């Protein structure tokens, strides 16, 4: 009887182990509203753990026209208590025709999804999201987050 129970337990473990897929590379990193700044900071501080992985976030679509070519970002604001100013947390976004002039209006609320990449230029590393999708949403989330 005891050997039969052990055999059944082993078979169940083998069955469930074979059915569960654990592919960490395919796991989507969803940056939520509640811990937005904390998650963004963790990604910047531990970039090697996140590079090449899919990332999804909602935020304000911002266009920076201060250079020859515009830069595009998805951000949220947070209040910096030490300095008493609003700061931005988020990522630069690239791809999907943004450089061809196909992009949402500045300050639109968007959901961005893509792969986290790194660009090294002039001894400076920049993280960005290579977009797979960028959707304008009708309902805005919190533009100002705490953590």
Protein backbone atom coordinates (compact mmCIF):
# COMPACT_ATOMS: atom_id res chain seq x y z
CA UNK A 1 0.00 0.00 0.00
CA UNK A 2 2.76 2.42 0.97
CA UNK A 3 4.71 1.78 -2.25
CA UNK A 4 1.53 2.42 -4.26
CA UNK A 5 0.99 5.81 -2.62
CA UNK A 6 4.60 6.81 -3.22
CA UNK A 7 4.32 5.74 -6.87
CA UNK A 8 1.14 7.80 -7.34
CA UNK A 9 2.80 10.86 -5.73
CA UNK A 10 5.83 10.51 -8.02
CA UNK A 11 3.61 10.19 -11.11
CA UNK A 12 1.60 13.27 -10.09
CA UNK A 13 4.81 15.27 -9.52
CA UNK A 14 6.20 14.22 -12.91
CA UNK A 15 2.91 15.08 -14.63
CA UNK A 16 2.61 18.54 -13.08
CA UNK A 17 6.29 19.28 -13.55
CA UNK A 18 5.98 18.50 -17.25
CA UNK A 19 2.90 20.69 -17.61
CA UNK A 20 4.29 23.79 -15.95
CA UNK A 21 6.28 26.07 -18.23
CA UNK A 22 8.83 28.21 -16.46
CA UNK A 23 10.37 30.44 -19.06
CA UNK A 24 11.52 33.53 -17.17
CA UNK A 25 12.57 35.23 -20.41
CA UNK A 26 8.98 35.25 -21.66
CA UNK A 27 7.49 36.54 -18.40
CA UNK A 28 6.09 40.04 -18.90
CA UNK A 29 7.34 42.62 -16.42
CA UNK A 30 4.26 44.71 -15.67
CA UNK A 31 5.10 48.04 -14.09
CA UNK A 32 2.12 48.81 -11.91
CA UNK A 33 0.78 52.10 -10.67
CA UNK A 34 1.25 51.39 -6.97
CA UNK A 35 5.03 50.81 -7.11
CA UNK A 36 5.80 52.56 -10.40
CA UNK A 37 8.90 54.52 -9.31
CA UNK A 38 10.26 51.63 -7.25
CA UNK A 39 9.97 49.20 -10.17
CA UNK A 40 11.53 51.66 -12.62
CA UNK A 41 14.44 52.27 -10.23
CA UNK A 42 14.96 48.53 -9.76
CA UNK A 43 15.13 48.03 -13.53
CA UNK A 44 17.68 50.83 -13.94
CA UNK A 45 19.79 49.58 -11.01
CA UNK A 46 19.66 45.93 -12.09
CA UNK A 47 19.43 46.34 -15.86
CA UNK A 48 21.27 43.11 -16.69
CA UNK A 49 18.47 41.10 -15.07
CA UNK A 50 15.82 42.80 -17.22
CA UNK A 51 17.46 43.35 -20.62
CA UNK A 52 15.76 41.44 -23.43
CA UNK A 53 12.60 40.85 -21.41
CA UNK A 54 9.11 42.09 -22.25
CA UNK A 55 7.95 45.16 -20.33
CA UNK A 56 4.46 46.67 -20.10
CA UNK A 57 3.55 50.01 -18.53
CA UNK A 58 0.98 52.78 -18.69
CA UNK A 59 1.81 56.44 -18.51
CA UNK A 60 2.00 59.82 -20.17
CA UNK A 61 3.41 59.88 -23.68
CA UNK A 62 5.98 62.70 -23.81
CA UNK A 63 7.81 64.11 -26.81
CA UNK A 64 11.16 65.82 -26.29
CA UNK A 65 11.90 68.22 -29.18
CA UNK A 66 15.10 69.64 -27.67
CA UNK A 67 17.34 67.75 -30.15
CA UNK A 68 17.39 67.52 -33.94
CA UNK A 69 15.31 64.35 -33.80
CA UNK A 70 12.56 64.03 -31.21
CA UNK A 71 12.81 61.53 -28.37
CA UNK A 72 9.72 59.74 -27.06
CA UNK A 73 9.02 58.66 -23.49
CA UNK A 74 6.35 57.00 -21.38
CA UNK A 75 6.53 58.50 -17.90
CA UNK A 76 4.73 59.38 -14.70
CA UNK A 77 5.53 62.19 -12.30
CA UNK A 78 6.61 61.74 -8.70
CA UNK A 79 7.31 64.25 -5.98
CA UNK A 80 10.88 64.33 -4.72
CA UNK A 81 10.60 65.11 -1.00
CA UNK A 82 14.27 65.94 -0.56
CA UNK A 83 14.29 68.63 -3.24
CA UNK A 84 10.62 69.60 -3.30
CA UNK A 85 10.17 69.21 -7.06
CA UNK A 86 8.28 66.99 -9.46
CA UNK A 87 10.42 64.42 -11.23
CA UNK A 88 9.71 61.94 -13.98
CA UNK A 89 10.11 58.16 -13.96
CA UNK A 90 9.74 56.00 -17.04
CA UNK A 91 11.47 54.90 -20.22
CA UNK A 92 12.36 56.15 -23.62
CA UNK A 93 10.37 54.26 -26.26
CA UNK A 94 11.48 53.50 -29.81
CA UNK A 95 10.19 51.73 -32.90
CA UNK A 96 6.74 51.30 -34.42
CA UNK A 97 7.23 54.21 -36.80
CA UNK A 98 7.79 56.84 -34.10
CA UNK A 99 10.74 58.29 -36.01
CA UNK A 100 8.55 58.41 -39.16
CA UNK A 101 6.12 60.80 -37.51
CA UNK A 102 3.55 58.20 -36.51
CA UNK A 103 2.92 58.74 -32.81
CA UNK A 104 0.24 59.80 -30.34
CA UNK A 105 -0.25 63.40 -29.23
CA UNK A 106 2.05 64.72 -26.53
CA UNK A 107 0.53 64.10 -23.06
CA UNK A 108 -1.67 61.24 -24.30
CA UNK A 109 -2.24 58.40 -21.83
CA UNK A 110 -0.79 55.23 -23.35
CA UNK A 111 -0.06 51.60 -22.71
CA UNK A 112 3.39 50.64 -23.97
CA UNK A 113 4.56 47.07 -24.51
CA UNK A 114 7.92 45.93 -25.82
CA UNK A 115 11.37 44.56 -25.09
CA UNK A 116 13.80 46.33 -22.76
CA UNK A 117 16.98 47.23 -24.65
CA UNK A 118 20.18 49.12 -23.93
CA UNK A 119 21.94 51.62 -26.14
CA UNK A 120 25.55 52.58 -25.49
CA UNK A 121 26.69 55.87 -27.00
CA UNK A 122 29.61 58.06 -25.99
CA UNK A 123 30.33 55.96 -22.88
CA UNK A 124 26.76 56.43 -21.66
CA UNK A 125 24.20 53.64 -21.41
CA UNK A 126 20.53 54.33 -22.00
CA UNK A 127 17.67 51.93 -21.38
CA UNK A 128 14.70 52.04 -23.72
CA UNK A 129 11.73 49.94 -24.71
CA UNK A 130 11.65 48.63 -28.28
CA UNK A 131 7.92 48.83 -28.84
CA UNK A 132 5.72 45.97 -30.00
CA UNK A 133 2.59 48.00 -29.31
CA UNK A 134 1.66 51.50 -28.18
CA UNK A 135 -2.03 52.12 -27.53
CA UNK A 136 -3.75 55.35 -26.55
CA UNK A 137 -6.16 54.67 -23.67
CA UNK A 138 -9.37 56.56 -22.96
CA UNK A 139 -9.09 56.26 -19.17
CA UNK A 140 -6.08 57.88 -17.52
CA UNK A 141 -4.36 56.42 -14.50
CA UNK A 142 -2.61 58.43 -11.81
CA UNK A 143 -0.20 60.84 -13.44
CA UNK A 144 1.48 61.53 -10.10
CA UNK A 145 2.65 58.48 -8.17
CA UNK A 146 4.18 58.21 -4.71
CA UNK A 147 6.48 55.21 -4.90
